[in-house]
Amino acid sequence: MPATKSTSQEIAPKATLEGEGTKKVLIVEDEGEMCLLLNILLDDKSFDLDHVKTLSDAAEYLVKVKPEVVILDNKLPDGYGVDFIATIKDNYPSTKIIMISGYDISVKDVALYNGADVFLAKPFSRDQLFDAITKLL
């Protein structure tokens, strides 16, 4: 009797966003330790992470690559992330923005008004960050 081919999968798929394809995420953060922490927090998830340290580098990056999500710090060497939100939304309206800040929580209202999709105050947990990204995707 010939062997029959099984149609069921033997390996269960991972419980991540892999089934939907890898999602590009740009981190705009000038503090090395915070950038490392963000990379560690998102490392085992299905994200393709890139990192820049300034708003001007972010502007150049966005011309070439269209990430699904931008994680944007507020206080950067060449300006404030809260002022860059409108540039992102005007030129790349489908890009979602997570504004992060630890210096001044009052920037939350301005960030959300300017078009940020989510605001996270530093320090935030891994779950808060991952939940914010997955809800936006």
C-alpha atoms as a PDB file:
ATOM      1  CA  MET A   1       0.000   0.000   0.000  1.00  0.00           C
ATOM      2  CA  PRO A   2       1.516   3.398  -0.966  1.00  0.00           C
ATOM      3  CA  ALA A   3       2.317   5.883   1.794  1.00  0.00           C
ATOM      4  CA  THR A   4      -0.134   8.751   2.071  1.00  0.00           C
ATOM      5  CA  LYS A   5       1.085  12.305   2.301  1.00  0.00           C
ATOM      6  CA  SER A   6      -0.005  14.173   5.400  1.00  0.00           C
ATOM      7  CA  THR A   7      -1.617  17.540   4.747  1.00  0.00           C
ATOM      8  CA  SER A   8      -1.365  18.830   8.291  1.00  0.00           C
ATOM      9  CA  GLN A   9       1.476  21.053   9.362  1.00  0.00           C
ATOM     10  CA  GLU A  10       3.814  19.481  11.862  1.00  0.00           C
ATOM     11  CA  ILE A  11       5.305  22.743  13.117  1.00  0.00           C
ATOM     12  CA  ALA A  12       3.026  25.377  14.595  1.00  0.00           C
ATOM     13  CA  PRO A  13       3.608  28.947  13.409  1.00  0.00           C
ATOM     14  CA  LYS A  14       5.149  31.468  15.798  1.00  0.00           C
ATOM     15  CA  ALA A  15       2.753  33.730  17.657  1.00  0.00           C
ATOM     16  CA  THR A  16       4.162  36.927  16.173  1.00  0.00           C
ATOM     17  CA  LEU A  17       3.479  39.161  13.222  1.00  0.00           C
ATOM     18  CA  GLU A  18       5.540  36.930  10.890  1.00  0.00           C
ATOM     19  CA  GLY A  19       2.473  35.716   9.058  1.00  0.00           C
ATOM     20  CA  GLU A  20       1.864  39.278   7.972  1.00  0.00           C
ATOM     21  CA  GLY A  21       5.479  39.796   6.875  1.00  0.00           C
ATOM     22  CA  THR A  22       8.267  41.653   8.575  1.00  0.00           C
ATOM     23  CA  LYS A  23       7.325  45.201   9.506  1.00  0.00           C
ATOM     24  CA  LYS A  24       9.853  48.010   9.078  1.00  0.00           C
ATOM     25  CA  VAL A  25      10.314  50.186  12.178  1.00  0.00           C
ATOM     26  CA  LEU A  26      12.486  53.293  12.311  1.00  0.00           C
ATOM     27  CA  ILE A  27      13.852  54.355  15.703  1.00  0.00           C
ATOM     28  CA  VAL A  28      14.789  58.049  15.930  1.00  0.00           C
ATOM     29  CA  GLU A  29      16.769  58.254  19.184  1.00  0.00           C
ATOM     30  CA  ASP A  30      20.106  59.914  19.973  1.00  0.00           C
ATOM     31  CA  GLU A  31      20.790  58.228  23.322  1.00  0.00           C
ATOM     32  CA  GLY A  32      22.764  55.036  22.743  1.00  0.00           C
ATOM     33  CA  GLU A  33      21.460  53.283  25.851  1.00  0.00           C
ATOM     34  CA  MET A  34      17.825  53.961  24.981  1.00  0.00           C
ATOM     35  CA  CYS A  35      18.354  52.800  21.394  1.00  0.00           C
ATOM     36  CA  LEU A  36      19.989  49.605  22.665  1.00  0.00           C
ATOM     37  CA  LEU A  37      17.072  49.063  25.043  1.00  0.00           C
ATOM     38  CA  LEU A  38      14.539  49.547  22.215  1.00  0.00           C
ATOM     39  CA  ASN A  39      16.451  47.049  20.081  1.00  0.00           C
ATOM     40  CA  ILE A  40      16.505  44.532  22.934  1.00  0.00           C
ATOM     41  CA  LEU A  41      12.789  45.023  23.674  1.00  0.00           C
ATOM     42  CA  LEU A  42      11.836  44.418  20.043  1.00  0.00           C
ATOM     43  CA  ASP A  43      14.554  41.902  19.148  1.00  0.00           C
ATOM     44  CA  ASP A  44      12.538  38.701  19.267  1.00  0.00           C
ATOM     45  CA  LYS A  45       9.542  40.213  17.522  1.00  0.00           C
ATOM     46  CA  SER A  46       8.942  40.263  13.787  1.00  0.00           C
ATOM     47  CA  PHE A  47      10.254  43.752  13.154  1.00  0.00           C
ATOM     48  CA  ASP A  48      12.983  44.970  10.837  1.00  0.00           C
ATOM     49  CA  LEU A  49      14.572  47.710  12.943  1.00  0.00           C
ATOM     50  CA  ASP A  50      16.602  50.672  11.703  1.00  0.00           C
ATOM     51  CA  HIS A  51      18.049  53.488  13.783  1.00  0.00           C
ATOM     52  CA  VAL A  52      19.006  57.125  13.198  1.00  0.00           C
ATOM     53  CA  LYS A  53      20.137  59.726  15.716  1.00  0.00           C
ATOM     54  CA  THR A  54      18.872  63.013  14.247  1.00  0.00           C
ATOM     55  CA  LEU A  55      15.814  64.478  12.573  1.00  0.00           C
ATOM     56  CA  SER A  56      17.812  65.274   9.436  1.00  0.00           C
ATOM     57  CA  ASP A  57      18.927  61.629   9.204  1.00  0.00           C
ATOM     58  CA  ALA A  58      15.306  60.571   9.725  1.00  0.00           C
ATOM     59  CA  ALA A  59      14.169  62.847   6.880  1.00  0.00           C
ATOM     60  CA  GLU A  60      16.784  61.319   4.545  1.00  0.00           C
ATOM     61  CA  TYR A  61      15.810  57.798   5.603  1.00  0.00           C
ATOM     62  CA  LEU A  62      12.099  58.395   5.019  1.00  0.00           C
ATOM     63  CA  VAL A  63      12.751  59.472   1.431  1.00  0.00           C
ATOM     64  CA  LYS A  64      14.358  56.079   0.720  1.00  0.00           C
ATOM     65  CA  VAL A  65      12.428  53.721   3.000  1.00  0.00           C
ATOM     66  CA  LYS A  66       8.798  53.835   4.053  1.00  0.00           C
ATOM     67  CA  PRO A  67       8.576  52.265   7.511  1.00  0.00           C
ATOM     68  CA  GLU A  68       5.219  51.241   8.915  1.00  0.00           C
ATOM     69  CA  VAL A  69       6.110  52.738  12.302  1.00  0.00           C
ATOM     70  CA  VAL A  70       8.448  55.487  13.503  1.00  0.00           C
ATOM     71  CA  ILE A  71       9.447  55.474  17.169  1.00  0.00           C
ATOM     72  CA  LEU A  72      10.330  59.122  17.687  1.00  0.00           C
ATOM     73  CA  ASP A  73      12.121  60.629  20.659  1.00  0.00           C
ATOM     74  CA  ASN A  74      11.315  64.243  21.422  1.00  0.00           C
ATOM     75  CA  LYS A  75      14.614  65.803  22.465  1.00  0.00           C
ATOM     76  CA  LEU A  76      17.128  65.298  19.640  1.00  0.00           C
ATOM     77  CA  PRO A  77      20.392  67.092  18.737  1.00  0.00           C
ATOM     78  CA  ASP A  78      18.891  68.989  15.798  1.00  0.00           C
ATOM     79  CA  GLY A  79      15.399  69.732  17.112  1.00  0.00           C
ATOM     80  CA  TYR A  80      12.299  68.363  18.740  1.00  0.00           C
ATOM     81  CA  GLY A  81      10.517  65.262  17.552  1.00  0.00           C
ATOM     82  CA  VAL A  82       7.166  66.847  18.339  1.00  0.00           C
ATOM     83  CA  ASP A  83       7.875  69.418  15.599  1.00  0.00           C
ATOM     84  CA  PHE A  84       8.828  66.650  13.115  1.00  0.00           C
ATOM     85  CA  ILE A  85       5.521  64.803  13.445  1.00  0.00           C
ATOM     86  CA  ALA A  86       3.758  67.066  10.945  1.00  0.00           C
ATOM     87  CA  THR A  87       6.527  66.490   8.388  1.00  0.00           C
ATOM     88  CA  ILE A  88       6.051  62.737   8.655  1.00  0.00           C
ATOM     89  CA  LYS A  89       2.253  62.904   8.511  1.00  0.00           C
ATOM     90  CA  ASP A  90       2.218  65.380   5.590  1.00  0.00           C
ATOM     91  CA  ASN A  91       4.643  63.364   3.452  1.00  0.00           C
ATOM     92  CA  TYR A  92       3.978  59.795   4.636  1.00  0.00           C
ATOM     93  CA  PRO A  93       0.383  59.730   5.941  1.00  0.00           C
ATOM     94  CA  SER A  94       0.249  55.931   6.305  1.00  0.00           C
ATOM     95  CA  THR A  95       3.294  55.879   8.611  1.00  0.00           C
ATOM     96  CA  LYS A  96       2.329  55.479  12.255  1.00  0.00           C
ATOM     97  CA  ILE A  97       4.196  57.444  14.937  1.00  0.00           C
ATOM     98  CA  ILE A  98       4.983  56.458  18.506  1.00  0.00           C
ATOM     99  CA  MET A  99       6.353  59.494  20.351  1.00  0.00           C
ATOM    100  CA  ILE A 100       8.542  58.722  23.359  1.00  0.00           C
ATOM    101  CA  SER A 101       9.739  61.240  25.907  1.00  0.00           C
ATOM    102  CA  GLY A 102      11.081  61.249  29.413  1.00  0.00           C
ATOM    103  CA  TYR A 103      11.860  64.915  29.908  1.00  0.00           C
ATOM    104  CA  ASP A 104       8.546  66.686  29.765  1.00  0.00           C
ATOM    105  CA  ILE A 105       5.269  64.811  30.000  1.00  0.00           C
ATOM    106  CA  SER A 106       3.388  67.967  28.953  1.00  0.00           C
ATOM    107  CA  VAL A 107       4.605  67.314  25.400  1.00  0.00           C
ATOM    108  CA  LYS A 108       2.080  64.440  25.220  1.00  0.00           C
ATOM    109  CA  ASP A 109      -0.870  66.696  24.324  1.00  0.00           C
ATOM    110  CA  VAL A 110       1.128  68.547  21.672  1.00  0.00           C
ATOM    111  CA  ALA A 111       2.448  65.293  20.187  1.00  0.00           C
ATOM    112  CA  LEU A 112      -1.031  63.773  19.909  1.00  0.00           C
ATOM    113  CA  TYR A 113      -2.446  67.025  18.523  1.00  0.00           C
ATOM    114  CA  ASN A 114       0.334  67.178  15.908  1.00  0.00           C
ATOM    115  CA  GLY A 115      -0.519  63.662  14.721  1.00  0.00           C
ATOM    116  CA  ALA A 116       1.351  61.128  16.855  1.00  0.00           C
ATOM    117  CA  ASP A 117      -0.648  57.922  17.064  1.00  0.00           C
ATOM    118  CA  VAL A 118       0.668  56.896  20.481  1.00  0.00           C
ATOM    119  CA  PHE A 119       2.626  58.622  23.244  1.00  0.00           C
ATOM    120  CA  LEU A 120       4.769  56.599  25.661  1.00  0.00           C
ATOM    121  CA  ALA A 121       6.369  58.263  28.666  1.00  0.00           C
ATOM    122  CA  LYS A 122       9.801  56.952  29.616  1.00  0.00           C
ATOM    123  CA  PRO A 123      10.254  54.589  31.307  1.00  0.00           C
ATOM    124  CA  PHE A 124       7.840  52.211  29.593  1.00  0.00           C
ATOM    125  CA  SER A 125       7.612  48.433  29.635  1.00  0.00           C
ATOM    126  CA  ARG A 126       8.296  45.956  26.870  1.00  0.00           C
ATOM    127  CA  ASP A 127       4.599  45.068  26.811  1.00  0.00           C
ATOM    128  CA  GLN A 128       3.548  48.724  26.485  1.00  0.00           C
ATOM    129  CA  LEU A 129       5.882  49.195  23.518  1.00  0.00           C
ATOM    130  CA  PHE A 130       4.949  45.947  21.777  1.00  0.00           C
ATOM    131  CA  ASP A 131       1.224  46.541  22.367  1.00  0.00           C
ATOM    132  CA  ALA A 132       1.487  50.050  20.913  1.00  0.00           C
ATOM    133  CA  ILE A 133       3.197  48.788  17.775  1.00  0.00           C
ATOM    134  CA  THR A 134       0.892  45.823  17.221  1.00  0.00           C
ATOM    135  CA  LYS A 135      -2.232  47.982  17.678  1.00  0.00           C
ATOM    136  CA  LEU A 136      -0.935  50.386  15.019  1.00  0.00           C
ATOM    137  CA  LEU A 137      -0.216  47.603  12.537  1.00  0.00           C
END
